[in-house]
Amino acid sequence: MGPMNNERDQAIYDLVVEYESNSKRGLEVFLSEKSYQQLIDYYEEEGQLDRALEVAGHAIHHHNYTIDFYLRKAHLLIDTHHEQDALETLDQAALFAPREIEIDLLRAEAFIYMDRIDEALALLEDRKINVSKETLSDILLVEAMAHEHQEEYELMFYTLSRALRENHSNEEALERVWLAVELSKKYEESIKLHDYILDIDPYSYLSWYNLGHAHAYLGNYQEAVDAYEFAFVINERFEYAYRDCAELCFEMKRYRKALKCYQEILELFEPDSELLLRIGQCYREMGNYIDARKYFHRAIQLDPLNDEVHFHIGECYADEGKWKQAVRSFRKALSIENSREEYYAALAEAFFHTNEWEKASPLYRAAVDIAPEDIRYWLRYIAFLLATEAYREALNCTEEAEDYELGVEILYARIAVLFSMGRRKEAFYWLGEALAEDYDQHRVVFDLAPELEQDSALLSMIASYRL
């Protein structure tokens, strides 16, 4: 932050301190219009809307011909769900500026939140006559709010689209249109709209950002990454673009590029536990466990009760075969959050590798009880039971899992168990059924019982079903 910003922030801080000190002593001191505006801005940004309203009231008292203070008070009243009071404030403002468009826009907004939609739309329609493109865009923005309130999301999108075609620089419309796209699923139309805007103004960072979202939802991932990058190159303080670009790269398994974005966020903005967790995950995926743990531990310093961080530390240790350390981390994760099936399964696997099988079994059981519809945990549990020669329990497990209609993988798991129990005739019968249903899933048999890869009769039967 440069010196000018520091000086400005200090001046505002001093203004706030002085105002609050006078307020506590019951003194109402005359302030300039600029000072009142700064105080209202400060309290709004801090989320102290009641205090902002109080300041707006004092501002009107001392500058009762300044329309802007009436408008700000009305806006705050709407934000705090006091629409009738807002309308009364706007009536007062109209005495000084009866044709001020902002008064009617706020009136319409109040009507919308009072479910007086017809009145809001009629008022907006009346104000569309003989206005500039910029004003018409603002009117359409409020009209879109009415459609949103009525859950008419297609109309909301098309109204915002028209608002942006009237004025492509309408920042609030650009911020709102993405919500309309998500609610109406108009992703392709969104691409056309933002391409149109970018042809006029290639430096519209919000348009690039919205374009990135639309491409991401349509599976055009590289185009989405490119659009997000344009957004934060144009506006280097636009944190959302960095984060969404990084998240998409992470999902695409482009960990180096994701890491670059996350590191830029770290340099430009205040770090948080989730950001440091993501950086650690990138390093882990790249096999750099030392740096991964370094960032995980930094995340814990910011949020000691972030169970995911403890879990990922455990995964680092597991990747390195350091199972005792992994046990400690997985236990910590579970002590914070005891309803995550992946935590139980990970701790169970760690106990398996430390030969504490009696501790592992109930943990695998807990994982499948929490997520019985997830085939992965059944397969991990069955693999454990086969490895510890608990064949009867493994067979029971396959029968229980079949109740959840998990597909042919459970049948292949049953076949692996039957072969392991020496019940070959039965196993071959079910193998024929499974291969006919889905040949490609036969690897499940070898994943659960690797020794069966040496069984020539089994291999011969699988080969006979190969297309």
Foldseek 3Di string as FASTA:
>chain_A
DDPVVVVVVVVLVVLVVVVVVCVVVVHQDDDDPVSLVSVLVVCVVVVNLVVSLVSLVSSCVRVVLDLVSLLSNLVSCVVVVNLVVSLVSLVSSCVNPVPPLSSLLSNLLSCLSVVVNVVSVVSLVVVCPPDALLSPLSSLQSNLVSCVSVLVLVSSLVSLLSSCVSPVPPVVSLVCNLVSCVSVVPLVVLLVSLVVSCVVPVLPLSSLQSVLVSCVVVVVLVSSLVSLVSNCVSPVLPLVSLQVSLVSCVVVVVLVVSLVSLVSCVVRHPDALVSLQSNLVSCVSVVNNVSSLVSLVVSCVRPVLPLVSLQVNLVSCVVVVVLVSSLVSLVSSCVSPVLALVSLQSNLVSCVSVVVNVSNQVSLVSSCVSPVLDVVSLLSNLLSCVVVVVLVVSLVSLVVSVVNVNPLLSLLSNLLSCVSVVVNVVSVVSVVVSCVVPLVSNCSSCVSPVVCVPVVVVVVVSVVSDD
